[in-house]
N, C-alpha and C. Protein backbone atom coordinates (compact mmCIF):
# COMPACT_ATOMS: atom_id res chain seq x y z
N MET A 1 7.04 -14.17 18.99
CA MET A 1 6.93 -12.97 18.16
C MET A 1 7.35 -13.25 16.72
N ASP A 2 8.23 -14.23 16.51
CA ASP A 2 8.71 -14.53 15.16
C ASP A 2 7.62 -15.12 14.27
N ASP A 3 6.58 -15.72 14.88
CA ASP A 3 5.53 -16.31 14.06
C ASP A 3 4.52 -15.27 13.56
N ILE A 4 4.68 -14.02 13.97
CA ILE A 4 3.83 -12.95 13.45
C ILE A 4 4.30 -12.62 12.05
N PRO A 5 3.40 -12.66 11.05
CA PRO A 5 3.83 -12.43 9.67
C PRO A 5 4.23 -10.98 9.40
N LEU A 6 5.23 -10.83 8.56
CA LEU A 6 5.68 -9.52 8.12
C LEU A 6 4.71 -8.95 7.08
N VAL A 7 4.36 -7.68 7.24
CA VAL A 7 3.55 -6.96 6.26
C VAL A 7 4.46 -5.95 5.56
N SER A 8 4.49 -6.01 4.24
CA SER A 8 5.23 -5.04 3.43
C SER A 8 4.26 -3.98 2.94
N VAL A 9 4.58 -2.72 3.22
CA VAL A 9 3.74 -1.60 2.80
C VAL A 9 4.51 -0.82 1.75
N ILE A 10 3.93 -0.65 0.57
CA ILE A 10 4.58 0.12 -0.50
C ILE A 10 3.87 1.46 -0.60
N ILE A 11 4.63 2.54 -0.38
CA ILE A 11 4.10 3.90 -0.53
C ILE A 11 4.83 4.55 -1.69
N THR A 12 4.09 5.07 -2.66
CA THR A 12 4.72 5.77 -3.78
C THR A 12 4.61 7.27 -3.58
N PHE A 13 5.69 7.96 -3.95
CA PHE A 13 5.75 9.42 -3.83
C PHE A 13 6.20 10.02 -5.16
N TYR A 14 5.51 11.04 -5.60
CA TYR A 14 5.93 11.81 -6.77
C TYR A 14 5.75 13.28 -6.42
N ASN A 15 6.88 13.97 -6.20
CA ASN A 15 6.83 15.37 -5.78
C ASN A 15 5.79 15.55 -4.66
N SER A 16 5.94 14.73 -3.63
CA SER A 16 4.97 14.69 -2.54
C SER A 16 5.56 15.13 -1.23
N GLY A 17 6.56 15.99 -1.27
CA GLY A 17 7.24 16.42 -0.05
C GLY A 17 6.29 16.87 1.04
N ASN A 18 5.22 17.53 0.65
CA ASN A 18 4.27 18.04 1.63
C ASN A 18 3.45 16.92 2.29
N LEU A 19 3.51 15.70 1.74
CA LEU A 19 2.73 14.59 2.29
C LEU A 19 3.58 13.48 2.89
N VAL A 20 4.90 13.62 2.84
CA VAL A 20 5.78 12.57 3.37
C VAL A 20 5.50 12.33 4.85
N HIS A 21 5.46 13.39 5.63
CA HIS A 21 5.26 13.26 7.07
C HIS A 21 3.96 12.51 7.38
N SER A 22 2.85 12.96 6.80
CA SER A 22 1.56 12.35 7.13
C SER A 22 1.49 10.89 6.65
N ALA A 23 2.08 10.58 5.50
CA ALA A 23 2.06 9.20 4.99
C ALA A 23 2.85 8.26 5.90
N ILE A 24 4.06 8.67 6.26
CA ILE A 24 4.89 7.83 7.12
C ILE A 24 4.24 7.66 8.48
N LYS A 25 3.75 8.74 9.06
CA LYS A 25 3.11 8.67 10.38
C LYS A 25 1.86 7.81 10.35
N GLU A 26 1.12 7.85 9.25
CA GLU A 26 -0.10 7.04 9.13
C GLU A 26 0.23 5.55 9.23
N VAL A 27 1.33 5.14 8.63
CA VAL A 27 1.75 3.74 8.68
C VAL A 27 2.39 3.42 10.04
N GLN A 28 3.21 4.32 10.54
CA GLN A 28 3.87 4.07 11.83
C GLN A 28 2.91 3.98 13.00
N LYS A 29 1.74 4.62 12.91
CA LYS A 29 0.80 4.62 14.03
C LYS A 29 0.03 3.30 14.17
N GLN A 30 0.19 2.42 13.20
CA GLN A 30 -0.54 1.17 13.24
C GLN A 30 -0.18 0.36 14.48
N THR A 31 -1.19 -0.31 15.06
CA THR A 31 -0.94 -1.16 16.22
C THR A 31 -0.13 -2.39 15.81
N TYR A 32 -0.23 -2.77 14.56
CA TYR A 32 0.55 -3.90 14.04
C TYR A 32 1.93 -3.35 13.66
N LYS A 33 2.97 -3.85 14.28
CA LYS A 33 4.30 -3.24 14.15
C LYS A 33 5.28 -4.03 13.29
N LYS A 34 4.99 -5.30 12.97
CA LYS A 34 5.96 -6.08 12.19
C LYS A 34 5.75 -5.77 10.70
N ILE A 35 6.30 -4.63 10.29
CA ILE A 35 6.12 -4.15 8.93
C ILE A 35 7.46 -3.68 8.36
N GLU A 36 7.52 -3.69 7.04
CA GLU A 36 8.57 -2.96 6.33
C GLU A 36 7.85 -1.90 5.51
N ILE A 37 8.43 -0.71 5.48
CA ILE A 37 7.80 0.41 4.78
C ILE A 37 8.67 0.75 3.58
N ILE A 38 8.21 0.35 2.41
CA ILE A 38 8.97 0.57 1.18
C ILE A 38 8.47 1.87 0.55
N CYS A 39 9.33 2.87 0.54
CA CYS A 39 8.98 4.19 0.01
C CYS A 39 9.63 4.34 -1.36
N VAL A 40 8.80 4.46 -2.38
CA VAL A 40 9.31 4.61 -3.74
C VAL A 40 9.23 6.08 -4.12
N ASN A 41 10.39 6.69 -4.26
CA ASN A 41 10.46 8.08 -4.71
C ASN A 41 10.53 8.05 -6.23
N ASP A 42 9.44 8.44 -6.86
CA ASP A 42 9.27 8.26 -8.31
C ASP A 42 9.61 9.55 -9.07
N GLY A 43 10.88 9.91 -9.08
CA GLY A 43 11.32 11.07 -9.85
C GLY A 43 10.99 12.38 -9.18
N PHE A 44 11.67 12.68 -8.10
CA PHE A 44 11.37 13.87 -7.33
C PHE A 44 11.95 15.13 -7.96
N GLN A 45 11.31 16.24 -7.72
CA GLN A 45 11.85 17.55 -8.05
C GLN A 45 11.63 18.48 -6.87
N ASP A 46 11.39 17.90 -5.72
CA ASP A 46 11.18 18.66 -4.50
C ASP A 46 11.99 18.00 -3.38
N GLU A 47 11.58 18.20 -2.15
CA GLU A 47 12.33 17.70 -0.99
C GLU A 47 11.94 16.29 -0.57
N THR A 48 11.17 15.56 -1.37
CA THR A 48 10.69 14.23 -1.00
C THR A 48 11.81 13.30 -0.56
N LEU A 49 12.86 13.17 -1.37
CA LEU A 49 13.93 12.22 -1.05
C LEU A 49 14.63 12.58 0.26
N SER A 50 14.94 13.83 0.47
CA SER A 50 15.64 14.21 1.71
C SER A 50 14.75 13.95 2.93
N LEU A 51 13.45 14.16 2.81
CA LEU A 51 12.54 13.88 3.92
C LEU A 51 12.45 12.37 4.19
N LEU A 52 12.40 11.58 3.12
CA LEU A 52 12.37 10.13 3.29
C LEU A 52 13.64 9.63 3.98
N LYS A 53 14.79 10.18 3.59
CA LYS A 53 16.05 9.78 4.22
C LYS A 53 16.07 10.12 5.71
N LYS A 54 15.47 11.25 6.07
CA LYS A 54 15.39 11.64 7.48
C LYS A 54 14.58 10.60 8.26
N TYR A 55 13.45 10.20 7.72
CA TYR A 55 12.63 9.19 8.39
C TYR A 55 13.33 7.84 8.43
N GLN A 56 14.07 7.52 7.40
CA GLN A 56 14.80 6.25 7.37
C GLN A 56 15.83 6.18 8.50
N GLN A 57 16.46 7.30 8.80
CA GLN A 57 17.43 7.35 9.90
C GLN A 57 16.76 7.09 11.25
N GLU A 58 15.49 7.45 11.36
CA GLU A 58 14.75 7.29 12.62
C GLU A 58 14.03 5.95 12.73
N ASP A 59 13.80 5.28 11.60
CA ASP A 59 13.02 4.04 11.59
C ASP A 59 13.66 3.05 10.63
N ASN A 60 14.29 2.01 11.17
CA ASN A 60 15.01 1.05 10.32
C ASN A 60 14.09 0.14 9.52
N ARG A 61 12.79 0.28 9.67
CA ARG A 61 11.85 -0.49 8.84
C ARG A 61 11.64 0.16 7.47
N ILE A 62 12.14 1.38 7.29
CA ILE A 62 11.94 2.12 6.05
C ILE A 62 13.02 1.77 5.04
N ILE A 63 12.57 1.41 3.85
CA ILE A 63 13.45 1.11 2.71
C ILE A 63 13.10 2.13 1.64
N ILE A 64 14.10 2.78 1.07
CA ILE A 64 13.86 3.79 0.03
C ILE A 64 14.31 3.26 -1.32
N ILE A 65 13.43 3.38 -2.29
CA ILE A 65 13.78 3.12 -3.68
C ILE A 65 13.67 4.47 -4.38
N ASN A 66 14.77 4.90 -4.96
CA ASN A 66 14.80 6.17 -5.68
C ASN A 66 14.92 5.86 -7.16
N LYS A 67 13.94 6.26 -7.95
CA LYS A 67 13.93 5.92 -9.37
C LYS A 67 13.50 7.11 -10.21
N ASN A 68 13.81 7.03 -11.49
CA ASN A 68 13.34 8.03 -12.44
C ASN A 68 11.86 7.78 -12.73
N ASN A 69 11.11 8.84 -12.94
CA ASN A 69 9.71 8.71 -13.26
C ASN A 69 9.56 8.13 -14.66
N GLU A 70 8.69 7.12 -14.78
CA GLU A 70 8.44 6.48 -16.07
C GLU A 70 7.03 6.72 -16.56
N GLY A 71 6.35 7.70 -15.98
CA GLY A 71 5.04 8.07 -16.48
C GLY A 71 3.86 7.32 -15.90
N GLY A 72 3.87 7.01 -14.64
CA GLY A 72 2.70 6.38 -14.03
C GLY A 72 3.03 5.74 -12.70
N ALA A 73 2.08 5.79 -11.79
CA ALA A 73 2.28 5.21 -10.46
C ALA A 73 2.49 3.71 -10.53
N HIS A 74 1.92 3.06 -11.55
CA HIS A 74 2.08 1.61 -11.66
C HIS A 74 3.55 1.21 -11.80
N ASN A 75 4.36 2.05 -12.43
CA ASN A 75 5.79 1.75 -12.55
C ASN A 75 6.50 1.89 -11.20
N ALA A 76 6.07 2.83 -10.40
CA ALA A 76 6.62 2.98 -9.05
C ALA A 76 6.22 1.77 -8.20
N LEU A 77 4.99 1.32 -8.33
CA LEU A 77 4.55 0.14 -7.59
C LEU A 77 5.31 -1.11 -8.04
N ALA A 78 5.61 -1.20 -9.32
CA ALA A 78 6.40 -2.34 -9.83
C ALA A 78 7.78 -2.36 -9.19
N ALA A 79 8.38 -1.20 -8.99
CA ALA A 79 9.70 -1.14 -8.34
C ALA A 79 9.61 -1.65 -6.91
N GLY A 80 8.55 -1.29 -6.20
CA GLY A 80 8.35 -1.79 -4.85
C GLY A 80 8.03 -3.27 -4.83
N GLN A 81 7.31 -3.72 -5.83
CA GLN A 81 6.91 -5.12 -5.93
C GLN A 81 8.14 -6.04 -6.01
N LYS A 82 9.20 -5.53 -6.57
CA LYS A 82 10.42 -6.34 -6.75
C LYS A 82 11.14 -6.63 -5.44
N VAL A 83 10.93 -5.82 -4.40
CA VAL A 83 11.72 -5.96 -3.17
C VAL A 83 10.93 -6.41 -1.94
N VAL A 84 9.62 -6.56 -2.06
CA VAL A 84 8.82 -6.92 -0.88
C VAL A 84 9.27 -8.25 -0.29
N LYS A 85 9.23 -8.34 1.03
CA LYS A 85 9.61 -9.55 1.74
C LYS A 85 8.47 -10.14 2.56
N GLY A 86 7.41 -9.38 2.73
CA GLY A 86 6.34 -9.77 3.64
C GLY A 86 5.49 -10.92 3.16
N LYS A 87 4.84 -11.57 4.11
CA LYS A 87 3.83 -12.59 3.81
C LYS A 87 2.61 -11.91 3.20
N TYR A 88 2.38 -10.66 3.65
CA TYR A 88 1.26 -9.86 3.16
C TYR A 88 1.78 -8.53 2.65
N ILE A 89 1.10 -7.99 1.63
CA ILE A 89 1.53 -6.75 0.98
C ILE A 89 0.35 -5.79 0.95
N LEU A 90 0.67 -4.51 1.19
CA LEU A 90 -0.34 -3.45 1.10
C LEU A 90 0.24 -2.31 0.27
N THR A 91 -0.49 -1.87 -0.75
CA THR A 91 -0.10 -0.65 -1.46
C THR A 91 -0.83 0.49 -0.78
N PHE A 92 -0.13 1.59 -0.61
CA PHE A 92 -0.63 2.70 0.20
C PHE A 92 -0.30 3.99 -0.52
N ASP A 93 -1.30 4.81 -0.80
CA ASP A 93 -1.06 6.10 -1.42
C ASP A 93 -0.63 7.10 -0.36
N HIS A 94 0.17 8.06 -0.76
CA HIS A 94 0.73 9.02 0.18
C HIS A 94 -0.32 9.87 0.90
N ASP A 95 -1.56 9.88 0.40
CA ASP A 95 -2.60 10.66 1.07
C ASP A 95 -3.68 9.78 1.71
N ASP A 96 -3.42 8.48 1.84
CA ASP A 96 -4.38 7.57 2.48
C ASP A 96 -4.40 7.77 3.99
N LYS A 97 -5.52 7.43 4.57
CA LYS A 97 -5.70 7.43 6.02
C LYS A 97 -6.31 6.09 6.40
N LEU A 98 -5.88 5.54 7.53
CA LEU A 98 -6.39 4.26 8.01
C LEU A 98 -6.63 4.32 9.51
N GLY A 99 -7.58 3.51 9.97
CA GLY A 99 -7.73 3.34 11.40
C GLY A 99 -6.46 2.71 11.96
N GLU A 100 -6.16 2.98 13.22
CA GLU A 100 -4.91 2.53 13.82
C GLU A 100 -4.75 1.01 13.85
N ASP A 101 -5.84 0.27 13.84
CA ASP A 101 -5.75 -1.18 13.90
C ASP A 101 -6.10 -1.84 12.56
N ALA A 102 -6.06 -1.09 11.48
CA ALA A 102 -6.44 -1.63 10.16
C ALA A 102 -5.56 -2.80 9.75
N PHE A 103 -4.23 -2.65 9.88
CA PHE A 103 -3.32 -3.74 9.50
C PHE A 103 -3.59 -4.97 10.37
N GLU A 104 -3.72 -4.73 11.66
CA GLU A 104 -3.93 -5.83 12.60
C GLU A 104 -5.20 -6.61 12.27
N GLN A 105 -6.29 -5.90 12.02
CA GLN A 105 -7.55 -6.57 11.69
C GLN A 105 -7.43 -7.36 10.39
N ALA A 106 -6.77 -6.77 9.40
CA ALA A 106 -6.61 -7.45 8.11
C ALA A 106 -5.76 -8.71 8.24
N VAL A 107 -4.67 -8.62 9.00
CA VAL A 107 -3.80 -9.79 9.19
C VAL A 107 -4.55 -10.89 9.94
N VAL A 108 -5.27 -10.54 10.98
CA VAL A 108 -6.04 -11.53 11.73
C VAL A 108 -7.05 -12.22 10.81
N SER A 109 -7.74 -11.43 9.97
CA SER A 109 -8.71 -12.01 9.02
C SER A 109 -8.02 -12.97 8.06
N MET A 110 -6.87 -12.57 7.55
CA MET A 110 -6.14 -13.43 6.60
C MET A 110 -5.65 -14.71 7.28
N GLU A 111 -5.14 -14.59 8.48
CA GLU A 111 -4.63 -15.76 9.20
C GLU A 111 -5.76 -16.72 9.56
N GLN A 112 -6.95 -16.20 9.84
CA GLN A 112 -8.09 -17.04 10.19
C GLN A 112 -8.75 -17.65 8.96
N ASN A 113 -8.45 -17.11 7.78
CA ASN A 113 -9.04 -17.58 6.53
C ASN A 113 -7.93 -17.83 5.51
N PRO A 114 -7.17 -18.89 5.67
CA PRO A 114 -5.99 -19.11 4.83
C PRO A 114 -6.30 -19.30 3.34
N ASP A 115 -7.56 -19.52 2.99
CA ASP A 115 -7.91 -19.64 1.58
C ASP A 115 -8.14 -18.29 0.91
N TRP A 116 -8.17 -17.21 1.69
CA TRP A 116 -8.34 -15.87 1.13
C TRP A 116 -7.06 -15.42 0.46
N GLY A 117 -7.19 -14.69 -0.64
CA GLY A 117 -6.04 -14.09 -1.31
C GLY A 117 -5.86 -12.63 -0.94
N ILE A 118 -6.97 -11.98 -0.53
CA ILE A 118 -6.91 -10.56 -0.16
C ILE A 118 -7.92 -10.30 0.96
N SER A 119 -7.66 -9.23 1.71
CA SER A 119 -8.59 -8.73 2.70
C SER A 119 -8.80 -7.25 2.39
N LEU A 120 -10.06 -6.85 2.23
CA LEU A 120 -10.38 -5.49 1.79
C LEU A 120 -10.47 -4.49 2.92
N PHE A 121 -10.09 -3.25 2.62
CA PHE A 121 -10.33 -2.12 3.50
C PHE A 121 -11.40 -1.27 2.82
N LYS A 122 -12.33 -0.73 3.56
CA LYS A 122 -13.33 0.18 2.99
C LYS A 122 -12.67 1.53 2.72
N VAL A 123 -12.99 2.14 1.60
CA VAL A 123 -12.40 3.42 1.23
C VAL A 123 -13.46 4.51 1.26
N LYS A 124 -13.13 5.60 1.94
CA LYS A 124 -13.97 6.79 1.95
C LYS A 124 -13.10 7.94 1.44
N ILE A 125 -13.66 8.76 0.58
CA ILE A 125 -12.95 9.92 0.06
C ILE A 125 -13.37 11.14 0.88
N MET A 126 -12.38 11.79 1.49
CA MET A 126 -12.64 12.91 2.39
C MET A 126 -12.05 14.19 1.79
N ASP A 127 -12.62 15.32 2.17
CA ASP A 127 -12.01 16.59 1.76
C ASP A 127 -10.99 17.03 2.81
N GLU A 128 -10.38 18.19 2.60
CA GLU A 128 -9.32 18.66 3.52
C GLU A 128 -9.82 18.87 4.95
N ASP A 129 -11.12 19.09 5.13
CA ASP A 129 -11.68 19.31 6.46
C ASP A 129 -12.13 18.01 7.12
N GLY A 130 -11.95 16.88 6.41
CA GLY A 130 -12.35 15.59 6.97
C GLY A 130 -13.80 15.24 6.72
N ASP A 131 -14.47 16.02 5.86
CA ASP A 131 -15.86 15.72 5.53
C ASP A 131 -15.92 14.68 4.41
N LEU A 132 -16.88 13.77 4.52
CA LEU A 132 -17.03 12.70 3.54
C LEU A 132 -17.50 13.26 2.20
N LEU A 133 -16.73 12.99 1.15
CA LEU A 133 -17.14 13.38 -0.20
C LEU A 133 -17.87 12.23 -0.88
N GLU A 134 -17.32 11.03 -0.76
CA GLU A 134 -17.96 9.86 -1.35
C GLU A 134 -17.40 8.60 -0.71
N SER A 135 -18.18 7.57 -0.79
CA SER A 135 -17.73 6.25 -0.37
C SER A 135 -17.67 5.42 -1.64
N ARG A 136 -16.50 4.93 -1.96
CA ARG A 136 -16.32 4.23 -3.23
C ARG A 136 -17.07 2.90 -3.25
N PRO A 137 -17.52 2.50 -4.44
CA PRO A 137 -18.26 1.24 -4.53
C PRO A 137 -17.39 0.06 -4.14
N GLN A 138 -18.03 -0.90 -3.52
CA GLN A 138 -17.37 -2.14 -3.14
C GLN A 138 -18.01 -3.27 -3.94
N PRO A 139 -17.27 -4.30 -4.24
CA PRO A 139 -17.88 -5.42 -4.96
C PRO A 139 -18.98 -6.05 -4.11
N LYS A 140 -20.07 -6.42 -4.75
CA LYS A 140 -21.22 -6.99 -4.04
C LYS A 140 -21.10 -8.51 -3.89
N ASN A 141 -20.24 -9.10 -4.69
CA ASN A 141 -20.08 -10.55 -4.63
C ASN A 141 -18.64 -10.88 -4.24
N ILE A 142 -18.39 -12.13 -4.01
CA ILE A 142 -17.04 -12.56 -3.67
C ILE A 142 -16.23 -12.64 -4.95
N LEU A 143 -15.07 -12.01 -4.94
CA LEU A 143 -14.18 -12.02 -6.09
C LEU A 143 -12.99 -12.92 -5.79
N THR A 144 -12.51 -13.60 -6.82
CA THR A 144 -11.24 -14.28 -6.64
C THR A 144 -10.16 -13.21 -6.56
N ALA A 145 -8.99 -13.58 -6.07
CA ALA A 145 -7.91 -12.60 -5.98
C ALA A 145 -7.57 -12.05 -7.36
N LYS A 146 -7.55 -12.90 -8.37
CA LYS A 146 -7.23 -12.45 -9.73
C LYS A 146 -8.29 -11.47 -10.24
N GLU A 147 -9.57 -11.75 -9.98
CA GLU A 147 -10.64 -10.83 -10.38
C GLU A 147 -10.51 -9.50 -9.66
N ALA A 148 -10.16 -9.55 -8.38
CA ALA A 148 -10.00 -8.31 -7.62
C ALA A 148 -8.86 -7.47 -8.16
N VAL A 149 -7.77 -8.11 -8.52
CA VAL A 149 -6.63 -7.39 -9.09
C VAL A 149 -7.05 -6.73 -10.40
N LYS A 150 -7.73 -7.47 -11.25
CA LYS A 150 -8.19 -6.90 -12.53
C LYS A 150 -9.14 -5.72 -12.31
N ALA A 151 -10.03 -5.84 -11.34
CA ALA A 151 -11.05 -4.82 -11.11
C ALA A 151 -10.49 -3.58 -10.42
N THR A 152 -9.39 -3.71 -9.71
CA THR A 152 -8.88 -2.57 -8.96
C THR A 152 -7.59 -2.01 -9.54
N VAL A 153 -6.61 -2.86 -9.75
CA VAL A 153 -5.30 -2.41 -10.21
C VAL A 153 -5.32 -2.08 -11.70
N ILE A 154 -6.03 -2.87 -12.47
CA ILE A 154 -5.95 -2.73 -13.92
C ILE A 154 -7.07 -1.88 -14.49
N ARG A 155 -8.29 -2.11 -14.05
CA ARG A 155 -9.43 -1.40 -14.64
C ARG A 155 -9.97 -0.29 -13.76
N PHE A 156 -9.58 -0.22 -12.52
CA PHE A 156 -10.05 0.79 -11.57
C PHE A 156 -11.58 0.83 -11.48
N LYS A 157 -12.23 -0.34 -11.63
CA LYS A 157 -13.68 -0.43 -11.50
C LYS A 157 -14.11 -0.15 -10.06
N TYR A 158 -13.33 -0.64 -9.12
CA TYR A 158 -13.58 -0.40 -7.70
C TYR A 158 -12.36 0.29 -7.13
N ALA A 159 -12.58 1.08 -6.10
CA ALA A 159 -11.45 1.69 -5.40
C ALA A 159 -11.44 1.16 -3.99
N PHE A 160 -10.48 0.34 -3.70
CA PHE A 160 -10.30 -0.10 -2.33
C PHE A 160 -8.85 -0.46 -2.10
N ARG A 161 -8.48 -0.44 -0.87
CA ARG A 161 -7.17 -0.91 -0.45
C ARG A 161 -7.37 -2.32 0.04
N CYS A 162 -6.37 -3.13 -0.13
CA CYS A 162 -6.47 -4.48 0.39
C CYS A 162 -5.09 -4.98 0.80
N LEU A 163 -5.12 -5.94 1.68
CA LEU A 163 -3.93 -6.65 2.08
C LEU A 163 -3.89 -7.89 1.21
N TYR A 164 -2.82 -8.01 0.41
CA TYR A 164 -2.66 -9.14 -0.49
C TYR A 164 -1.81 -10.22 0.16
N LYS A 165 -2.12 -11.47 -0.10
CA LYS A 165 -1.17 -12.53 0.18
C LYS A 165 -0.01 -12.33 -0.79
N ARG A 166 1.18 -12.61 -0.34
CA ARG A 166 2.37 -12.40 -1.17
C ARG A 166 2.25 -13.09 -2.54
N GLU A 167 1.82 -14.34 -2.56
CA GLU A 167 1.75 -15.06 -3.84
C GLU A 167 0.73 -14.44 -4.80
N VAL A 168 -0.34 -13.86 -4.27
CA VAL A 168 -1.30 -13.16 -5.12
C VAL A 168 -0.66 -11.89 -5.68
N PHE A 169 -0.03 -11.13 -4.79
CA PHE A 169 0.60 -9.88 -5.21
C PHE A 169 1.69 -10.11 -6.25
N GLN A 170 2.45 -11.18 -6.08
CA GLN A 170 3.54 -11.47 -7.02
C GLN A 170 3.04 -12.16 -8.29
N SER A 171 1.76 -12.53 -8.34
CA SER A 171 1.24 -13.24 -9.51
C SER A 171 0.91 -12.31 -10.68
N PHE A 172 0.97 -11.02 -10.44
CA PHE A 172 0.74 -10.05 -11.52
C PHE A 172 1.85 -9.03 -11.48
N SER A 173 1.99 -8.31 -12.57
CA SER A 173 3.00 -7.28 -12.62
C SER A 173 2.34 -5.95 -12.93
N TYR A 174 2.79 -4.92 -12.25
CA TYR A 174 2.28 -3.59 -12.54
C TYR A 174 2.75 -3.11 -13.90
N TYR A 175 3.73 -3.79 -14.49
CA TYR A 175 4.19 -3.43 -15.82
C TYR A 175 3.26 -3.99 -16.90
N LYS A 176 2.47 -4.98 -16.58
CA LYS A 176 1.58 -5.61 -17.55
C LYS A 176 0.18 -5.03 -17.46
N LYS A 177 -0.61 -5.23 -18.51
CA LYS A 177 -1.99 -4.76 -18.51
C LYS A 177 -2.93 -5.78 -17.89
N GLU A 178 -2.67 -7.05 -18.04
CA GLU A 178 -3.53 -8.10 -17.50
C GLU A 178 -2.69 -9.08 -16.69
N PRO A 179 -3.21 -9.54 -15.53
CA PRO A 179 -2.47 -10.54 -14.75
C PRO A 179 -2.60 -11.91 -15.39
């Protein structure tokens, strides 16, 4: 069991008390269990922090970072980026939804393809009733990890979630404009 790689999941929250439960449960339901859940409370003015602390008492994989808001989710992600321990990293928005085996499939793909820097998840935008609003564009060609970071994190040309190799994730900073 020790040879199973750790996945670090960074979830950012900003006055998201109403979404804490669904975000935490979405990650906890994964079939892949060797994870750390880094919850960044980015300047709360609601019950977000108290709800996160409640979940932390129930699940020792949860790590809470409580910080002042600095005007953007990228700063919250940078705070999480400083503490990740996993071989693989996933950034996760508090309103994301994933299939139960998404982490497992991504880790298996990464382990079978050690030259990959990232493994992509397909993103669909749904409304409150679960109806598909749009399916975000995916790159049509193979991107290097650095190109993918520029296209998604920095320029928002594509919208997708991905599992990063730790060295790829640590090779850029959310505080910078270009990796």
